[in-house]
Amino acid sequence: MVQEVGRGEPSEELLRVVEETNAALVVIGLRHRAPVGKLLLGSTARQILLDAPCPVLGVKP
């Protein structure tokens, strides 16, 4: 296992690793939000969902 220290935006770093490793699936944890906030995702989660080259699964903690 290789662990790297990221220097950029978390979503950009994660997507870079996904592409480098040809990942088949990305699993991200989503925080609990108020009812109105459930309609909107955080910017990092949104970026991953929109730009990932593979399926993304969002799970509750």
PDB file of N, CA and C in Angstrom:
ATOM      1  N   MET A   1       0.844  -1.181   0.000  1.00  0.00           N
ATOM      2  CA  MET A   1       0.000   0.000   0.000  1.00  0.00           C
ATOM      3  C   MET A   1       0.885   1.238   0.000  1.00  0.00           C
ATOM      4  N   VAL A   2       0.492   2.208  -0.810  1.00  0.00           N
ATOM      5  CA  VAL A   2       1.231   3.453  -0.897  1.00  0.00           C
ATOM      6  C   VAL A   2       0.373   4.558  -0.314  1.00  0.00           C
ATOM      7  N   GLN A   3       0.944   5.367   0.567  1.00  0.00           N
ATOM      8  CA  GLN A   3       0.213   6.486   1.139  1.00  0.00           C
ATOM      9  C   GLN A   3       0.968   7.754   0.799  1.00  0.00           C
ATOM     10  N   GLU A   4       0.286   8.640   0.097  1.00  0.00           N
ATOM     11  CA  GLU A   4       0.904   9.888  -0.313  1.00  0.00           C
ATOM     12  C   GLU A   4       0.301  11.044   0.465  1.00  0.00           C
ATOM     13  N   VAL A   5       1.071  12.111   0.579  1.00  0.00           N
ATOM     14  CA  VAL A   5       0.574  13.324   1.217  1.00  0.00           C
ATOM     15  C   VAL A   5       0.114  14.252   0.104  1.00  0.00           C
ATOM     16  N   GLY A   6      -1.172  14.625   0.150  1.00  0.00           N
ATOM     17  CA  GLY A   6      -1.724  15.495  -0.883  1.00  0.00           C
ATOM     18  C   GLY A   6      -1.380  16.945  -0.647  1.00  0.00           C
ATOM     19  N   ARG A   7      -1.313  17.691  -1.723  1.00  0.00           N
ATOM     20  CA  ARG A   7      -0.985  19.094  -1.614  1.00  0.00           C
ATOM     21  C   ARG A   7      -2.056  19.997  -2.221  1.00  0.00           C
ATOM     22  N   GLY A   8      -2.985  19.425  -2.981  1.00  0.00           N
ATOM     23  CA  GLY A   8      -4.005  20.233  -3.641  1.00  0.00           C
ATOM     24  C   GLY A   8      -5.348  20.096  -2.969  1.00  0.00           C
ATOM     25  N   GLU A   9      -6.368  20.392  -3.735  1.00  0.00           N
ATOM     26  CA  GLU A   9      -7.742  20.230  -3.247  1.00  0.00           C
ATOM     27  C   GLU A   9      -8.015  18.749  -3.019  1.00  0.00           C
ATOM     28  N   PRO A  10      -8.725  18.391  -1.948  1.00  0.00           N
ATOM     29  CA  PRO A  10      -8.991  16.982  -1.663  1.00  0.00           C
ATOM     30  C   PRO A  10      -9.666  16.249  -2.823  1.00  0.00           C
ATOM     31  N   SER A  11     -10.635  16.880  -3.458  1.00  0.00           N
ATOM     32  CA  SER A  11     -11.328  16.214  -4.559  1.00  0.00           C
ATOM     33  C   SER A  11     -10.388  15.971  -5.737  1.00  0.00           C
ATOM     34  N   GLU A  12      -9.537  16.928  -6.044  1.00  0.00           N
ATOM     35  CA  GLU A  12      -8.587  16.774  -7.145  1.00  0.00           C
ATOM     36  C   GLU A  12      -7.581  15.672  -6.847  1.00  0.00           C
ATOM     37  N   GLU A  13      -7.103  15.607  -5.621  1.00  0.00           N
ATOM     38  CA  GLU A  13      -6.142  14.571  -5.231  1.00  0.00           C
ATOM     39  C   GLU A  13      -6.781  13.190  -5.312  1.00  0.00           C
ATOM     40  N   LEU A  14      -8.007  13.065  -4.798  1.00  0.00           N
ATOM     41  CA  LEU A  14      -8.695  11.782  -4.837  1.00  0.00           C
ATOM     42  C   LEU A  14      -8.935  11.342  -6.276  1.00  0.00           C
ATOM     43  N   LEU A  15      -9.394  12.252  -7.126  1.00  0.00           N
ATOM     44  CA  LEU A  15      -9.655  11.905  -8.522  1.00  0.00           C
ATOM     45  C   LEU A  15      -8.371  11.529  -9.258  1.00  0.00           C
ATOM     46  N   ARG A  16      -7.265  12.151  -8.885  1.00  0.00           N
ATOM     47  CA  ARG A  16      -5.974  11.799  -9.496  1.00  0.00           C
ATOM     48  C   ARG A  16      -5.620  10.354  -9.159  1.00  0.00           C
ATOM     49  N   VAL A  17      -5.778   9.979  -7.896  1.00  0.00           N
ATOM     50  CA  VAL A  17      -5.471   8.608  -7.470  1.00  0.00           C
ATOM     51  C   VAL A  17      -6.432   7.616  -8.119  1.00  0.00           C
ATOM     52  N   VAL A  18      -7.700   7.978  -8.230  1.00  0.00           N
ATOM     53  CA  VAL A  18      -8.685   7.111  -8.882  1.00  0.00           C
ATOM     54  C   VAL A  18      -8.252   6.810 -10.312  1.00  0.00           C
ATOM     55  N   GLU A  19      -7.828   7.838 -11.028  1.00  0.00           N
ATOM     56  CA  GLU A  19      -7.386   7.642 -12.416  1.00  0.00           C
ATOM     57  C   GLU A  19      -6.101   6.816 -12.486  1.00  0.00           C
ATOM     58  N   GLU A  20      -5.136   7.113 -11.604  1.00  0.00           N
ATOM     59  CA  GLU A  20      -3.858   6.397 -11.629  1.00  0.00           C
ATOM     60  C   GLU A  20      -4.025   4.910 -11.336  1.00  0.00           C
ATOM     61  N   THR A  21      -4.975   4.575 -10.487  1.00  0.00           N
ATOM     62  CA  THR A  21      -5.148   3.181 -10.076  1.00  0.00           C
ATOM     63  C   THR A  21      -6.245   2.464 -10.850  1.00  0.00           C
ATOM     64  N   ASN A  22      -6.894   3.183 -11.768  1.00  0.00           N
ATOM     65  CA  ASN A  22      -8.019   2.611 -12.523  1.00  0.00           C
ATOM     66  C   ASN A  22      -9.064   2.012 -11.585  1.00  0.00           C
ATOM     67  N   ALA A  23      -9.422   2.760 -10.558  1.00  0.00           N
ATOM     68  CA  ALA A  23     -10.391   2.291  -9.566  1.00  0.00           C
ATOM     69  C   ALA A  23     -11.724   1.967 -10.231  1.00  0.00           C
ATOM     70  N   ALA A  24     -12.380   0.938  -9.731  1.00  0.00           N
ATOM     71  CA  ALA A  24     -13.679   0.522 -10.263  1.00  0.00           C
ATOM     72  C   ALA A  24     -14.822   1.205  -9.529  1.00  0.00           C
ATOM     73  N   LEU A  25     -14.566   1.698  -8.311  1.00  0.00           N
ATOM     74  CA  LEU A  25     -15.609   2.305  -7.496  1.00  0.00           C
ATOM     75  C   LEU A  25     -14.966   3.242  -6.483  1.00  0.00           C
ATOM     76  N   VAL A  26     -15.623   4.369  -6.236  1.00  0.00           N
ATOM     77  CA  VAL A  26     -15.204   5.292  -5.185  1.00  0.00           C
ATOM     78  C   VAL A  26     -16.328   5.316  -4.149  1.00  0.00           C
ATOM     79  N   VAL A  27     -15.978   5.156  -2.881  1.00  0.00           N
ATOM     80  CA  VAL A  27     -16.954   5.221  -1.796  1.00  0.00           C
ATOM     81  C   VAL A  27     -16.612   6.436  -0.949  1.00  0.00           C
ATOM     82  N   ILE A  28     -17.600   7.326  -0.783  1.00  0.00           N
ATOM     83  CA  ILE A  28     -17.384   8.527   0.023  1.00  0.00           C
ATOM     84  C   ILE A  28     -18.415   8.566   1.142  1.00  0.00           C
ATOM     85  N   GLY A  29     -18.017   9.093   2.278  1.00  0.00           N
ATOM     86  CA  GLY A  29     -18.931   9.282   3.398  1.00  0.00           C
ATOM     87  C   GLY A  29     -19.573  10.651   3.306  1.00  0.00           C
ATOM     88  N   LEU A  30     -20.876  10.686   3.535  1.00  0.00           N
ATOM     89  CA  LEU A  30     -21.605  11.949   3.505  1.00  0.00           C
ATOM     90  C   LEU A  30     -22.052  12.296   4.912  1.00  0.00           C
ATOM     91  N   ARG A  31     -21.837  13.538   5.319  1.00  0.00           N
ATOM     92  CA  ARG A  31     -22.210  13.991   6.656  1.00  0.00           C
ATOM     93  C   ARG A  31     -23.708  14.192   6.769  1.00  0.00           C
ATOM     94  N   HIS A  32     -24.193  14.061   7.988  1.00  0.00           N
ATOM     95  CA  HIS A  32     -25.605  14.330   8.262  1.00  0.00           C
ATOM     96  C   HIS A  32     -25.853  15.826   8.110  1.00  0.00           C
ATOM     97  N   ARG A  33     -26.918  16.174   7.427  1.00  0.00           N
ATOM     98  CA  ARG A  33     -27.255  17.575   7.220  1.00  0.00           C
ATOM     99  C   ARG A  33     -28.716  17.820   7.570  1.00  0.00           C
ATOM    100  N   ALA A  34     -29.048  19.072   7.750  1.00  0.00           N
ATOM    101  CA  ALA A  34     -30.440  19.460   7.986  1.00  0.00           C
ATOM    102  C   ALA A  34     -31.256  19.122   6.733  1.00  0.00           C
ATOM    103  N   PRO A  35     -32.584  19.040   6.834  1.00  0.00           N
ATOM    104  CA  PRO A  35     -33.406  18.678   5.668  1.00  0.00           C
ATOM    105  C   PRO A  35     -33.118  19.514   4.421  1.00  0.00           C
ATOM    106  N   VAL A  36     -32.959  20.814   4.574  1.00  0.00           N
ATOM    107  CA  VAL A  36     -32.652  21.644   3.409  1.00  0.00           C
ATOM    108  C   VAL A  36     -31.259  21.326   2.882  1.00  0.00           C
ATOM    109  N   GLY A  37     -30.302  21.087   3.769  1.00  0.00           N
ATOM    110  CA  GLY A  37     -28.932  20.792   3.368  1.00  0.00           C
ATOM    111  C   GLY A  37     -28.794  19.475   2.646  1.00  0.00           C
ATOM    112  N   LYS A  38     -29.755  18.588   2.800  1.00  0.00           N
ATOM    113  CA  LYS A  38     -29.681  17.296   2.121  1.00  0.00           C
ATOM    114  C   LYS A  38     -29.796  17.445   0.608  1.00  0.00           C
ATOM    115  N   LEU A  39     -30.409  18.544   0.173  1.00  0.00           N
ATOM    116  CA  LEU A  39     -30.522  18.791  -1.259  1.00  0.00           C
ATOM    117  C   LEU A  39     -29.189  19.194  -1.872  1.00  0.00           C
ATOM    118  N   LEU A  40     -28.313  19.708  -1.047  1.00  0.00           N
ATOM    119  CA  LEU A  40     -27.018  20.191  -1.523  1.00  0.00           C
ATOM    120  C   LEU A  40     -25.909  19.357  -0.903  1.00  0.00           C
ATOM    121  N   LEU A  41     -24.925  19.026  -1.678  1.00  0.00           N
ATOM    122  CA  LEU A  41     -23.761  18.303  -1.167  1.00  0.00           C
ATOM    123  C   LEU A  41     -22.644  19.290  -0.912  1.00  0.00           C
ATOM    124  N   GLY A  42     -21.685  18.891  -0.113  1.00  0.00           N
ATOM    125  CA  GLY A  42     -20.496  19.712   0.055  1.00  0.00           C
ATOM    126  C   GLY A  42     -19.746  19.801  -1.261  1.00  0.00           C
ATOM    127  N   SER A  43     -18.912  20.804  -1.398  1.00  0.00           N
ATOM    128  CA  SER A  43     -18.214  21.018  -2.668  1.00  0.00           C
ATOM    129  C   SER A  43     -17.289  19.862  -3.027  1.00  0.00           C
ATOM    130  N   THR A  44     -16.653  19.246  -2.035  1.00  0.00           N
ATOM    131  CA  THR A  44     -15.753  18.124  -2.312  1.00  0.00           C
ATOM    132  C   THR A  44     -16.547  16.930  -2.825  1.00  0.00           C
ATOM    133  N   ALA A  45     -17.619  16.568  -2.143  1.00  0.00           N
ATOM    134  CA  ALA A  45     -18.444  15.434  -2.574  1.00  0.00           C
ATOM    135  C   ALA A  45     -19.036  15.697  -3.952  1.00  0.00           C
ATOM    136  N   ARG A  46     -19.514  16.897  -4.176  1.00  0.00           N
ATOM    137  CA  ARG A  46     -20.111  17.246  -5.472  1.00  0.00           C
ATOM    138  C   ARG A  46     -19.083  17.108  -6.591  1.00  0.00           C
ATOM    139  N   GLN A  47     -17.869  17.595  -6.357  1.00  0.00           N
ATOM    140  CA  GLN A  47     -16.818  17.517  -7.371  1.00  0.00           C
ATOM    141  C   GLN A  47     -16.483  16.064  -7.700  1.00  0.00           C
ATOM    142  N   ILE A  48     -16.400  15.218  -6.685  1.00  0.00           N
ATOM    143  CA  ILE A  48     -16.092  13.801  -6.902  1.00  0.00           C
ATOM    144  C   ILE A  48     -17.208  13.132  -7.692  1.00  0.00           C
ATOM    145  N   LEU A  49     -18.461  13.394  -7.302  1.00  0.00           N
ATOM    146  CA  LEU A  49     -19.594  12.794  -8.005  1.00  0.00           C
ATOM    147  C   LEU A  49     -19.641  13.209  -9.471  1.00  0.00           C
ATOM    148  N   LEU A  50     -19.326  14.451  -9.759  1.00  0.00           N
ATOM    149  CA  LEU A  50     -19.412  14.942 -11.132  1.00  0.00           C
ATOM    150  C   LEU A  50     -18.242  14.512 -12.005  1.00  0.00           C
ATOM    151  N   ASP A  51     -17.046  14.404 -11.419  1.00  0.00           N
ATOM    152  CA  ASP A  51     -15.851  14.206 -12.229  1.00  0.00           C
ATOM    153  C   ASP A  51     -15.232  12.817 -12.168  1.00  0.00           C
ATOM    154  N   ALA A  52     -15.703  11.949 -11.304  1.00  0.00           N
ATOM    155  CA  ALA A  52     -15.100  10.619 -11.187  1.00  0.00           C
ATOM    156  C   ALA A  52     -15.338   9.818 -12.467  1.00  0.00           C
ATOM    157  N   PRO A  53     -14.308   9.108 -12.924  1.00  0.00           N
ATOM    158  CA  PRO A  53     -14.428   8.294 -14.132  1.00  0.00           C
ATOM    159  C   PRO A  53     -15.074   6.929 -13.880  1.00  0.00           C
ATOM    160  N   CYS A  54     -15.515   6.702 -12.658  1.00  0.00           N
ATOM    161  CA  CYS A  54     -16.128   5.420 -12.286  1.00  0.00           C
ATOM    162  C   CYS A  54     -17.327   5.699 -11.383  1.00  0.00           C
ATOM    163  N   PRO A  55     -18.123   4.687 -11.065  1.00  0.00           N
ATOM    164  CA  PRO A  55     -19.254   4.910 -10.160  1.00  0.00           C
ATOM    165  C   PRO A  55     -18.797   5.395  -8.784  1.00  0.00           C
ATOM    166  N   VAL A  56     -19.653   6.217  -8.147  1.00  0.00           N
ATOM    167  CA  VAL A  56     -19.384   6.742  -6.809  1.00  0.00           C
ATOM    168  C   VAL A  56     -20.552   6.346  -5.909  1.00  0.00           C
ATOM    169  N   LEU A  57     -20.226   5.789  -4.760  1.00  0.00           N
ATOM    170  CA  LEU A  57     -21.224   5.394  -3.778  1.00  0.00           C
ATOM    171  C   LEU A  57     -21.094   6.291  -2.569  1.00  0.00           C
ATOM    172  N   GLY A  58     -22.171   6.989  -2.199  1.00  0.00           N
ATOM    173  CA  GLY A  58     -22.181   7.825  -1.007  1.00  0.00           C
ATOM    174  C   GLY A  58     -22.857   7.078   0.129  1.00  0.00           C
ATOM    175  N   VAL A  59     -22.195   7.008   1.277  1.00  0.00           N
ATOM    176  CA  VAL A  59     -22.742   6.272   2.422  1.00  0.00           C
ATOM    177  C   VAL A  59     -22.845   7.184   3.640  1.00  0.00           C
ATOM    178  N   LYS A  60     -23.793   6.848   4.506  1.00  0.00           N
ATOM    179  CA  LYS A  60     -23.932   7.566   5.772  1.00  0.00           C
ATOM    180  C   LYS A  60     -22.881   7.049   6.747  1.00  0.00           C
ATOM    181  N   PRO A  61     -22.477   7.893   7.695  1.00  0.00           N
ATOM    182  CA  PRO A  61     -21.498   7.424   8.690  1.00  0.00           C
ATOM    183  C   PRO A  61     -22.079   6.332   9.580  1.00  0.00           C
TER     184      PRO A  61
END
